[in-house]
Amino acid sequence: MSSVLTIILSYILLYRYTTLIFCVFIGNFLIPLPLNLMLFAVGAFASQGYFNIFIVFTTALLVNVFADVFGYFITYKYGNKIMTFFKINIENDKFLKVKRWLRKYAGETIFITRITGPFTQVVNFLSGLTGVPFKKFLLMDVLGNFIDILFFTFAGYFLGNYWQVFLNNIQNIITLIFVVVILYILFRICFKKFFKKF
């Protein structure tokens, strides 16, 4: 278990839902935290009577979606000013390619990054900055978060006292999902380029 996760879980047991709300918001808006592993552990704590599993699930889902939408709206409204402040040229070729790609594959990109985790914040900001339609963003965000949170909280809940035994397996599953997603994206890009030649 990582030291960051250990610290989070100790605070979760002390301050319960307050820490859960804080960590989920910060982890989705600013700093990548091991949220899936945290939810897995909290699900296990719920099976031991420390939390109500349905309150955990609902709270995590609502805060997750709120943090994602907050990130989206910041760059939707102030993205150009932020980029100008950091002297980033949004009219260069690389950025325009990213913008076109994200607009084209917005739905699947948003959905997949809710489940794989590391790029959630980046996709939230880029979605707002590139003008991905809010309804599409919200729908894919809610669906992705719903599946992700449902899996990890209830997996922890049903494994109960054995959650620590399965912690490494859960980490391996997250890594595997991440690798599969990256391979899928690369395949899509290469497949398109290959057929453009003919």
C-alpha atoms as a PDB file:
ATOM      1  CA  MET A   1       0.000   0.000   0.000  1.00  0.00           C
ATOM      2  CA  SER A   2       1.390   3.406  -0.949  1.00  0.00           C
ATOM      3  CA  SER A   3       2.174   5.949   1.750  1.00  0.00           C
ATOM      4  CA  VAL A   4      -0.295   8.434   0.199  1.00  0.00           C
ATOM      5  CA  LEU A   5      -3.103   5.871   0.378  1.00  0.00           C
ATOM      6  CA  THR A   6      -2.186   4.988   3.977  1.00  0.00           C
ATOM      7  CA  ILE A   7      -2.394   8.666   5.010  1.00  0.00           C
ATOM      8  CA  ILE A   8      -5.726   9.128   3.195  1.00  0.00           C
ATOM      9  CA  LEU A   9      -7.232   6.026   4.822  1.00  0.00           C
ATOM     10  CA  SER A  10      -6.135   7.077   8.303  1.00  0.00           C
ATOM     11  CA  TYR A  11      -7.920  10.419   7.803  1.00  0.00           C
ATOM     12  CA  ILE A  12     -10.926   8.635   6.271  1.00  0.00           C
ATOM     13  CA  LEU A  13     -11.310   6.586   9.459  1.00  0.00           C
ATOM     14  CA  LEU A  14     -10.941   9.709  11.618  1.00  0.00           C
ATOM     15  CA  TYR A  15     -13.112  12.208   9.735  1.00  0.00           C
ATOM     16  CA  ARG A  16     -15.193   9.845   7.570  1.00  0.00           C
ATOM     17  CA  TYR A  17     -17.393  11.569   4.978  1.00  0.00           C
ATOM     18  CA  THR A  18     -15.628  14.938   5.309  1.00  0.00           C
ATOM     19  CA  THR A  19     -12.324  13.371   4.218  1.00  0.00           C
ATOM     20  CA  LEU A  20     -14.112  11.350   1.527  1.00  0.00           C
ATOM     21  CA  ILE A  21     -15.645  14.512   0.025  1.00  0.00           C
ATOM     22  CA  PHE A  22     -12.381  16.462   0.261  1.00  0.00           C
ATOM     23  CA  CYS A  23     -10.212  13.723  -1.292  1.00  0.00           C
ATOM     24  CA  VAL A  24     -12.656  12.939  -4.103  1.00  0.00           C
ATOM     25  CA  PHE A  25     -12.947  16.623  -5.007  1.00  0.00           C
ATOM     26  CA  ILE A  26      -9.201  17.352  -4.874  1.00  0.00           C
ATOM     27  CA  GLY A  27      -8.383  14.066  -6.636  1.00  0.00           C
ATOM     28  CA  ASN A  28     -10.721  14.852  -9.520  1.00  0.00           C
ATOM     29  CA  PHE A  29     -10.063  18.551  -9.802  1.00  0.00           C
ATOM     30  CA  LEU A  30      -6.361  19.133  -9.092  1.00  0.00           C
ATOM     31  CA  ILE A  31      -4.068  16.385  -7.860  1.00  0.00           C
ATOM     32  CA  PRO A  32      -4.227  12.774  -9.091  1.00  0.00           C
ATOM     33  CA  LEU A  33      -4.833  10.715  -5.940  1.00  0.00           C
ATOM     34  CA  PRO A  34      -5.352   6.934  -5.727  1.00  0.00           C
ATOM     35  CA  LEU A  35      -9.138   7.435  -5.582  1.00  0.00           C
ATOM     36  CA  ASN A  36     -10.142   4.014  -6.930  1.00  0.00           C
ATOM     37  CA  LEU A  37      -8.042   2.269  -4.279  1.00  0.00           C
ATOM     38  CA  MET A  38      -9.443   4.626  -1.637  1.00  0.00           C
ATOM     39  CA  LEU A  39     -13.031   3.824  -2.702  1.00  0.00           C
ATOM     40  CA  PHE A  40     -12.189   0.121  -2.684  1.00  0.00           C
ATOM     41  CA  ALA A  41     -10.944   0.426   0.924  1.00  0.00           C
ATOM     42  CA  VAL A  42     -13.915   2.591   1.982  1.00  0.00           C
ATOM     43  CA  GLY A  43     -16.238  -0.047   0.519  1.00  0.00           C
ATOM     44  CA  ALA A  44     -14.498  -2.601   2.735  1.00  0.00           C
ATOM     45  CA  PHE A  45     -14.854  -0.290   5.758  1.00  0.00           C
ATOM     46  CA  ALA A  46     -18.564   0.000   4.952  1.00  0.00           C
ATOM     47  CA  SER A  47     -18.898  -3.797   5.156  1.00  0.00           C
ATOM     48  CA  GLN A  48     -17.424  -3.549   8.674  1.00  0.00           C
ATOM     49  CA  GLY A  49     -19.990  -0.922   9.720  1.00  0.00           C
ATOM     50  CA  TYR A  50     -17.832   2.230   9.556  1.00  0.00           C
ATOM     51  CA  PHE A  51     -19.790   3.691   6.634  1.00  0.00           C
ATOM     52  CA  ASN A  52     -23.086   3.263   4.835  1.00  0.00           C
ATOM     53  CA  ILE A  53     -22.227   1.839   1.384  1.00  0.00           C
ATOM     54  CA  PHE A  54     -25.094   3.664  -0.368  1.00  0.00           C
ATOM     55  CA  ILE A  55     -24.112   7.021   1.153  1.00  0.00           C
ATOM     56  CA  VAL A  56     -20.479   6.369   0.149  1.00  0.00           C
ATOM     57  CA  PHE A  57     -21.495   5.544  -3.426  1.00  0.00           C
ATOM     58  CA  THR A  58     -23.874   8.510  -3.797  1.00  0.00           C
ATOM     59  CA  THR A  59     -21.455  10.979  -2.171  1.00  0.00           C
ATOM     60  CA  ALA A  60     -18.497   9.837  -4.275  1.00  0.00           C
ATOM     61  CA  LEU A  61     -20.554   9.982  -7.483  1.00  0.00           C
ATOM     62  CA  LEU A  62     -21.961  13.466  -6.834  1.00  0.00           C
ATOM     63  CA  VAL A  63     -18.616  14.943  -5.736  1.00  0.00           C
ATOM     64  CA  ASN A  64     -16.810  13.284  -8.672  1.00  0.00           C
ATOM     65  CA  VAL A  65     -19.239  14.737 -11.194  1.00  0.00           C
ATOM     66  CA  PHE A  66     -19.224  18.159  -9.493  1.00  0.00           C
ATOM     67  CA  ALA A  67     -15.379  18.302  -9.552  1.00  0.00           C
ATOM     68  CA  ASP A  68     -15.282  17.284 -13.224  1.00  0.00           C
ATOM     69  CA  VAL A  69     -17.917  19.849 -14.210  1.00  0.00           C
ATOM     70  CA  PHE A  70     -16.122  22.520 -12.174  1.00  0.00           C
ATOM     71  CA  GLY A  71     -12.879  21.799 -14.069  1.00  0.00           C
ATOM     72  CA  TYR A  72     -14.769  21.880 -17.369  1.00  0.00           C
ATOM     73  CA  PHE A  73     -16.410  25.254 -16.636  1.00  0.00           C
ATOM     74  CA  ILE A  74     -13.213  26.944 -15.445  1.00  0.00           C
ATOM     75  CA  THR A  75     -11.530  26.387 -18.805  1.00  0.00           C
ATOM     76  CA  TYR A  76     -14.756  26.860 -20.759  1.00  0.00           C
ATOM     77  CA  LYS A  77     -15.136  30.333 -19.278  1.00  0.00           C
ATOM     78  CA  TYR A  78     -11.541  31.383 -18.544  1.00  0.00           C
ATOM     79  CA  GLY A  79      -9.451  28.955 -20.637  1.00  0.00           C
ATOM     80  CA  ASN A  80      -8.164  31.524 -23.125  1.00  0.00           C
ATOM     81  CA  LYS A  81      -7.166  33.922 -20.334  1.00  0.00           C
ATOM     82  CA  ILE A  82      -5.394  31.110 -18.452  1.00  0.00           C
ATOM     83  CA  MET A  83      -3.507  30.037 -21.587  1.00  0.00           C
ATOM     84  CA  THR A  84      -2.531  33.648 -22.336  1.00  0.00           C
ATOM     85  CA  PHE A  85      -1.331  34.112 -18.735  1.00  0.00           C
ATOM     86  CA  PHE A  86       0.941  31.052 -19.057  1.00  0.00           C
ATOM     87  CA  LYS A  87       1.988  32.223 -22.563  1.00  0.00           C
ATOM     88  CA  ILE A  88       0.681  29.072 -24.253  1.00  0.00           C
ATOM     89  CA  ASN A  89      -0.248  29.546 -27.886  1.00  0.00           C
ATOM     90  CA  ILE A  90      -3.588  27.814 -28.513  1.00  0.00           C
ATOM     91  CA  GLU A  91      -3.347  28.481 -32.240  1.00  0.00           C
ATOM     92  CA  ASN A  92      -0.272  26.292 -32.823  1.00  0.00           C
ATOM     93  CA  ASP A  93      -0.591  23.132 -34.927  1.00  0.00           C
ATOM     94  CA  LYS A  94      -0.156  20.664 -32.054  1.00  0.00           C
ATOM     95  CA  PHE A  95      -2.888  22.225 -29.965  1.00  0.00           C
ATOM     96  CA  LEU A  96      -5.250  22.439 -32.935  1.00  0.00           C
ATOM     97  CA  LYS A  97      -4.667  18.718 -33.647  1.00  0.00           C
ATOM     98  CA  VAL A  98      -5.484  17.864 -30.012  1.00  0.00           C
ATOM     99  CA  LYS A  99      -8.576  20.074 -30.229  1.00  0.00           C
ATOM    100  CA  ARG A 100      -9.825  18.356 -33.402  1.00  0.00           C
ATOM    101  CA  TRP A 101      -9.101  14.891 -32.007  1.00  0.00           C
ATOM    102  CA  LEU A 102     -10.830  15.586 -28.705  1.00  0.00           C
ATOM    103  CA  ARG A 103     -13.885  17.102 -30.381  1.00  0.00           C
ATOM    104  CA  LYS A 104     -14.120  14.076 -32.683  1.00  0.00           C
ATOM    105  CA  TYR A 105     -13.681  11.435 -29.947  1.00  0.00           C
ATOM    106  CA  ALA A 106     -15.033  13.469 -27.021  1.00  0.00           C
ATOM    107  CA  GLY A 107     -17.587  10.925 -25.820  1.00  0.00           C
ATOM    108  CA  GLU A 108     -15.321   7.898 -25.632  1.00  0.00           C
ATOM    109  CA  THR A 109     -12.351   9.925 -24.342  1.00  0.00           C
ATOM    110  CA  ILE A 110     -14.380  11.385 -21.468  1.00  0.00           C
ATOM    111  CA  PHE A 111     -15.968   8.019 -20.638  1.00  0.00           C
ATOM    112  CA  ILE A 112     -12.686   6.059 -20.711  1.00  0.00           C
ATOM    113  CA  THR A 113     -10.730   8.579 -18.647  1.00  0.00           C
ATOM    114  CA  ARG A 114     -13.333   8.364 -15.864  1.00  0.00           C
ATOM    115  CA  ILE A 115     -12.447   4.672 -15.508  1.00  0.00           C
ATOM    116  CA  THR A 116      -8.676   4.796 -16.045  1.00  0.00           C
ATOM    117  CA  GLY A 117      -8.048   7.833 -13.858  1.00  0.00           C
ATOM    118  CA  PRO A 118      -4.655   9.502 -14.563  1.00  0.00           C
ATOM    119  CA  PHE A 119      -5.878  11.852 -17.319  1.00  0.00           C
ATOM    120  CA  THR A 120      -9.236  12.839 -15.822  1.00  0.00           C
ATOM    121  CA  GLN A 121      -8.220  16.380 -14.863  1.00  0.00           C
ATOM    122  CA  VAL A 122      -6.476  17.027 -18.192  1.00  0.00           C
ATOM    123  CA  VAL A 123      -9.515  15.839 -20.183  1.00  0.00           C
ATOM    124  CA  ASN A 124     -11.852  17.962 -18.032  1.00  0.00           C
ATOM    125  CA  PHE A 125      -9.800  21.090 -18.714  1.00  0.00           C
ATOM    126  CA  LEU A 126      -9.292  20.313 -22.404  1.00  0.00           C
ATOM    127  CA  SER A 127     -13.006  19.568 -22.859  1.00  0.00           C
ATOM    128  CA  GLY A 128     -13.900  23.022 -21.567  1.00  0.00           C
ATOM    129  CA  LEU A 129     -11.088  24.711 -23.467  1.00  0.00           C
ATOM    130  CA  THR A 130     -11.933  23.071 -26.797  1.00  0.00           C
ATOM    131  CA  GLY A 131     -15.674  23.627 -26.418  1.00  0.00           C
ATOM    132  CA  VAL A 132     -16.896  20.042 -26.141  1.00  0.00           C
ATOM    133  CA  PRO A 133     -20.720  20.350 -25.834  1.00  0.00           C
ATOM    134  CA  PHE A 134     -21.654  20.380 -22.140  1.00  0.00           C
ATOM    135  CA  LYS A 135     -24.504  17.845 -22.506  1.00  0.00           C
ATOM    136  CA  LYS A 136     -22.145  15.328 -24.096  1.00  0.00           C
ATOM    137  CA  PHE A 137     -19.496  15.992 -21.430  1.00  0.00           C
ATOM    138  CA  LEU A 138     -22.001  15.583 -18.593  1.00  0.00           C
ATOM    139  CA  LEU A 139     -23.573  12.408 -19.983  1.00  0.00           C
ATOM    140  CA  MET A 140     -20.240  10.630 -20.556  1.00  0.00           C
ATOM    141  CA  ASP A 141     -18.896  11.924 -17.244  1.00  0.00           C
ATOM    142  CA  VAL A 142     -21.860  10.605 -15.245  1.00  0.00           C
ATOM    143  CA  LEU A 143     -21.840   7.215 -17.045  1.00  0.00           C
ATOM    144  CA  GLY A 144     -18.090   6.728 -16.634  1.00  0.00           C
ATOM    145  CA  ASN A 145     -18.070   7.799 -12.988  1.00  0.00           C
ATOM    146  CA  PHE A 146     -21.131   5.666 -12.204  1.00  0.00           C
ATOM    147  CA  ILE A 147     -19.477   2.480 -13.513  1.00  0.00           C
ATOM    148  CA  ASP A 148     -16.091   3.282 -11.966  1.00  0.00           C
ATOM    149  CA  ILE A 149     -17.417   4.104  -8.486  1.00  0.00           C
ATOM    150  CA  LEU A 150     -19.936   1.267  -8.497  1.00  0.00           C
ATOM    151  CA  PHE A 151     -17.220  -1.273  -9.299  1.00  0.00           C
ATOM    152  CA  PHE A 152     -14.632  -0.136  -6.748  1.00  0.00           C
ATOM    153  CA  THR A 153     -16.911   0.630  -3.785  1.00  0.00           C
ATOM    154  CA  PHE A 154     -18.952  -2.553  -4.095  1.00  0.00           C
ATOM    155  CA  ALA A 155     -15.896  -4.723  -4.843  1.00  0.00           C
ATOM    156  CA  GLY A 156     -14.445  -3.525  -1.533  1.00  0.00           C
ATOM    157  CA  TYR A 157     -17.788  -4.028   0.194  1.00  0.00           C
ATOM    158  CA  PHE A 158     -18.237  -7.634  -0.953  1.00  0.00           C
ATOM    159  CA  LEU A 159     -14.601  -8.564  -0.270  1.00  0.00           C
ATOM    160  CA  GLY A 160     -14.960  -7.122   3.233  1.00  0.00           C
ATOM    161  CA  ASN A 161     -12.167  -8.205   5.586  1.00  0.00           C
ATOM    162  CA  TYR A 162     -10.135  -9.596   2.669  1.00  0.00           C
ATOM    163  CA  TRP A 163      -9.792  -6.250   0.857  1.00  0.00           C
ATOM    164  CA  GLN A 164      -6.058  -5.899   1.655  1.00  0.00           C
ATOM    165  CA  VAL A 165      -5.342  -9.307   0.115  1.00  0.00           C
ATOM    166  CA  PHE A 166      -6.902  -8.128  -3.152  1.00  0.00           C
ATOM    167  CA  LEU A 167      -5.387  -4.622  -3.101  1.00  0.00           C
ATOM    168  CA  ASN A 168      -2.462  -5.555  -5.392  1.00  0.00           C
ATOM    169  CA  ASN A 169      -4.867  -7.311  -7.764  1.00  0.00           C
ATOM    170  CA  ILE A 170      -7.005  -4.164  -7.933  1.00  0.00           C
ATOM    171  CA  GLN A 171      -3.879  -2.109  -8.700  1.00  0.00           C
ATOM    172  CA  ASN A 172      -3.021  -4.592 -11.473  1.00  0.00           C
ATOM    173  CA  ILE A 173      -6.571  -4.330 -12.886  1.00  0.00           C
ATOM    174  CA  ILE A 174      -6.309  -0.517 -12.985  1.00  0.00           C
ATOM    175  CA  THR A 175      -2.921  -0.759 -14.735  1.00  0.00           C
ATOM    176  CA  LEU A 176      -4.285  -3.313 -17.213  1.00  0.00           C
ATOM    177  CA  ILE A 177      -7.303  -1.115 -18.024  1.00  0.00           C
ATOM    178  CA  PHE A 178      -4.975   1.854 -18.546  1.00  0.00           C
ATOM    179  CA  VAL A 179      -2.687  -0.134 -20.904  1.00  0.00           C
ATOM    180  CA  VAL A 180      -5.677  -1.502 -22.862  1.00  0.00           C
ATOM    181  CA  VAL A 181      -7.049   2.030 -23.299  1.00  0.00           C
ATOM    182  CA  ILE A 182      -3.692   3.363 -24.537  1.00  0.00           C
ATOM    183  CA  LEU A 183      -3.372   0.430 -26.981  1.00  0.00           C
ATOM    184  CA  TYR A 184      -6.932   1.023 -28.181  1.00  0.00           C
ATOM    185  CA  ILE A 185      -6.217   4.705 -28.841  1.00  0.00           C
ATOM    186  CA  LEU A 186      -2.974   3.865 -30.685  1.00  0.00           C
ATOM    187  CA  PHE A 187      -4.798   1.215 -32.719  1.00  0.00           C
ATOM    188  CA  ARG A 188      -7.504   3.728 -33.702  1.00  0.00           C
ATOM    189  CA  ILE A 189      -4.891   6.267 -34.798  1.00  0.00           C
ATOM    190  CA  CYS A 190      -2.768   3.750 -36.748  1.00  0.00           C
ATOM    191  CA  PHE A 191      -5.823   2.051 -38.280  1.00  0.00           C
ATOM    192  CA  LYS A 192      -7.081   5.375 -39.643  1.00  0.00           C
ATOM    193  CA  LYS A 193      -3.684   6.329 -41.045  1.00  0.00           C
ATOM    194  CA  PHE A 194      -3.334   2.924 -42.725  1.00  0.00           C
ATOM    195  CA  PHE A 195      -6.689   3.210 -44.498  1.00  0.00           C
ATOM    196  CA  LYS A 196      -6.029   6.793 -45.560  1.00  0.00           C
ATOM    197  CA  LYS A 197      -3.199   5.468 -47.745  1.00  0.00           C
ATOM    198  CA  PHE A 198      -5.652   3.440 -49.876  1.00  0.00           C
END
